[in-house]
Amino acid sequence: MAYLTAQITLTLAGFKPGMTVLAPAIGGSVGNATYQLARAQSAGRVISTAGSPAKAARARELGFEDVIDLTTEGLADGVRRIMAGKGGARQSR
C-alpha cells in the first residue's frame, strides 16, 4: 500500500523527471516509498524530513542526501538551505 499511495501522490502532483520532490517522514513507509519511487523516476532531487536526530542520522547513513531534521530547523528553512534559496512548487532543479 505504501508504494501505491506514493505513486498516486506523485502522479496527482504532476511529477516529471528532473523535478524536486519533498518526501516527508522518511522513517515511515509512505515517505520512504515516495523517496525511492521519485529517485527511480529520475527526480532531480528528493528532500526528506525526519522527526528526530536519530532518524535523521540513520537516513543519512542509509544514503539519503537531503534530510531536514525537524527538531533542529523548520521545514521552510530546511528547504531553503538545501535549495540554496532556489526552487519552489513544481520547479525543476
C-alpha atoms as a PDB file:
ATOM      1  CA  MET A   1       0.000   0.000   0.000  1.00  0.00           C
ATOM      2  CA  ALA A   2       2.856   2.411   0.706  1.00  0.00           C
ATOM      3  CA  TYR A   3       4.181   2.252  -2.849  1.00  0.00           C
ATOM      4  CA  LEU A   4       0.716   2.602  -4.358  1.00  0.00           C
ATOM      5  CA  THR A   5      -0.005   5.622  -2.153  1.00  0.00           C
ATOM      6  CA  ALA A   6       3.352   7.149  -3.048  1.00  0.00           C
ATOM      7  CA  GLN A   7       2.869   6.624  -6.790  1.00  0.00           C
ATOM      8  CA  ILE A   8      -0.642   8.044  -6.747  1.00  0.00           C
ATOM      9  CA  THR A   9       0.659  11.084  -4.873  1.00  0.00           C
ATOM     10  CA  LEU A  10       3.481  11.642  -7.365  1.00  0.00           C
ATOM     11  CA  THR A  11       1.059  11.276 -10.270  1.00  0.00           C
ATOM     12  CA  LEU A  12      -1.527  13.662  -8.821  1.00  0.00           C
ATOM     13  CA  ALA A  13       1.211  16.192  -8.066  1.00  0.00           C
ATOM     14  CA  GLY A  14       2.212  16.193 -11.733  1.00  0.00           C
ATOM     15  CA  PHE A  15       5.668  14.765 -11.101  1.00  0.00           C
ATOM     16  CA  LYS A  16       8.057  14.755 -14.055  1.00  0.00           C
ATOM     17  CA  PRO A  17      11.720  13.677 -14.249  1.00  0.00           C
ATOM     18  CA  GLY A  18      14.101  16.377 -13.085  1.00  0.00           C
ATOM     19  CA  MET A  19      11.696  17.853 -10.545  1.00  0.00           C
ATOM     20  CA  THR A  20      12.479  18.293  -6.875  1.00  0.00           C
ATOM     21  CA  VAL A  21      10.272  16.212  -4.574  1.00  0.00           C
ATOM     22  CA  LEU A  22       9.598  16.664  -0.865  1.00  0.00           C
ATOM     23  CA  ALA A  23       9.054  13.223   0.679  1.00  0.00           C
ATOM     24  CA  PRO A  24       8.222  13.883   4.338  1.00  0.00           C
ATOM     25  CA  ALA A  25       8.645  11.381   7.175  1.00  0.00           C
ATOM     26  CA  ILE A  26      11.465   9.328   5.721  1.00  0.00           C
ATOM     27  CA  GLY A  27      11.202   6.939   8.680  1.00  0.00           C
ATOM     28  CA  GLY A  28       7.690   5.939   7.622  1.00  0.00           C
ATOM     29  CA  SER A  29       6.692   3.562   4.874  1.00  0.00           C
ATOM     30  CA  VAL A  30       4.998   6.115   2.575  1.00  0.00           C
ATOM     31  CA  GLY A  31       7.801   8.674   2.942  1.00  0.00           C
ATOM     32  CA  ASN A  32      10.392   6.028   2.173  1.00  0.00           C
ATOM     33  CA  ALA A  33       8.388   4.702  -0.795  1.00  0.00           C
ATOM     34  CA  THR A  34       7.946   8.231  -2.165  1.00  0.00           C
ATOM     35  CA  TYR A  35      11.689   8.806  -1.916  1.00  0.00           C
ATOM     36  CA  GLN A  36      12.513   5.543  -3.685  1.00  0.00           C
ATOM     37  CA  LEU A  37       9.933   5.973  -6.450  1.00  0.00           C
ATOM     38  CA  ALA A  38      10.911   9.587  -7.115  1.00  0.00           C
ATOM     39  CA  ARG A  39      14.584   8.588  -7.394  1.00  0.00           C
ATOM     40  CA  ALA A  40      13.735   5.635  -9.654  1.00  0.00           C
ATOM     41  CA  GLN A  41      11.746   8.010 -11.879  1.00  0.00           C
ATOM     42  CA  SER A  42      14.669  10.445 -12.221  1.00  0.00           C
ATOM     43  CA  ALA A  43      13.775  13.170  -9.746  1.00  0.00           C
ATOM     44  CA  GLY A  44      16.347  15.931  -9.797  1.00  0.00           C
ATOM     45  CA  ARG A  45      16.447  15.988  -6.019  1.00  0.00           C
ATOM     46  CA  VAL A  46      14.441  14.355  -3.245  1.00  0.00           C
ATOM     47  CA  ILE A  47      14.226  16.164   0.073  1.00  0.00           C
ATOM     48  CA  SER A  48      13.063  14.213   3.106  1.00  0.00           C
ATOM     49  CA  THR A  49      12.211  15.063   6.695  1.00  0.00           C
ATOM     50  CA  ALA A  50      12.841  13.295   9.977  1.00  0.00           C
ATOM     51  CA  GLY A  51      11.208  13.855  13.336  1.00  0.00           C
ATOM     52  CA  SER A  52      14.247  13.137  15.478  1.00  0.00           C
ATOM     53  CA  PRO A  53      18.030  13.480  15.326  1.00  0.00           C
ATOM     54  CA  ALA A  54      18.383   9.687  15.423  1.00  0.00           C
ATOM     55  CA  LYS A  55      16.077   9.219  12.409  1.00  0.00           C
ATOM     56  CA  ALA A  56      17.862  11.986  10.501  1.00  0.00           C
ATOM     57  CA  ALA A  57      21.258  10.437  11.246  1.00  0.00           C
ATOM     58  CA  ARG A  58      20.046   6.982  10.219  1.00  0.00           C
ATOM     59  CA  ALA A  59      18.596   8.355   6.979  1.00  0.00           C
ATOM     60  CA  ARG A  60      21.948   9.957   6.157  1.00  0.00           C
ATOM     61  CA  GLU A  61      23.757   6.697   6.976  1.00  0.00           C
ATOM     62  CA  LEU A  62      21.469   4.931   4.502  1.00  0.00           C
ATOM     63  CA  GLY A  63      22.383   7.410   1.770  1.00  0.00           C
ATOM     64  CA  PHE A  64      19.546   9.922   1.908  1.00  0.00           C
ATOM     65  CA  GLU A  65      21.301  13.108   0.848  1.00  0.00           C
ATOM     66  CA  ASP A  66      18.899  15.935   1.656  1.00  0.00           C
ATOM     67  CA  VAL A  67      17.378  15.389   5.100  1.00  0.00           C
ATOM     68  CA  ILE A  68      15.716  18.051   7.239  1.00  0.00           C
ATOM     69  CA  ASP A  69      15.746  17.266  10.956  1.00  0.00           C
ATOM     70  CA  LEU A  70      12.542  18.953  12.066  1.00  0.00           C
ATOM     71  CA  THR A  71      13.768  19.124  15.664  1.00  0.00           C
ATOM     72  CA  THR A  72      16.569  21.494  14.662  1.00  0.00           C
ATOM     73  CA  GLU A  73      15.066  23.551  11.812  1.00  0.00           C
ATOM     74  CA  GLY A  74      11.723  24.355  10.298  1.00  0.00           C
ATOM     75  CA  LEU A  75      10.573  22.838   7.037  1.00  0.00           C
ATOM     76  CA  ALA A  76      10.734  26.095   5.044  1.00  0.00           C
ATOM     77  CA  ASP A  77      14.200  26.924   6.404  1.00  0.00           C
ATOM     78  CA  GLY A  78      15.446  23.433   5.616  1.00  0.00           C
ATOM     79  CA  VAL A  79      14.141  23.551   2.059  1.00  0.00           C
ATOM     80  CA  ARG A  80      15.716  26.988   1.527  1.00  0.00           C
ATOM     81  CA  ARG A  81      19.038  25.697   2.890  1.00  0.00           C
ATOM     82  CA  ILE A  82      19.019  22.636   0.634  1.00  0.00           C
ATOM     83  CA  MET A  83      17.831  24.529  -2.428  1.00  0.00           C
ATOM     84  CA  ALA A  84      20.195  27.453  -1.743  1.00  0.00           C
ATOM     85  CA  GLY A  85      17.234  29.813  -1.944  1.00  0.00           C
ATOM     86  CA  LYS A  86      16.116  28.480  -5.337  1.00  0.00           C
ATOM     87  CA  GLY A  87      13.116  26.474  -6.343  1.00  0.00           C
ATOM     88  CA  GLY A  88       9.536  26.235  -5.387  1.00  0.00           C
ATOM     89  CA  ALA A  89       6.430  24.280  -6.176  1.00  0.00           C
ATOM     90  CA  ARG A  90       6.659  22.310  -9.417  1.00  0.00           C
ATOM     91  CA  GLN A  91      10.038  23.723 -10.440  1.00  0.00           C
ATOM     92  CA  SER A  92      12.886  21.657 -11.791  1.00  0.00           C
ATOM     93  CA  ARG A  93      16.232  21.679 -10.104  1.00  0.00           C
END
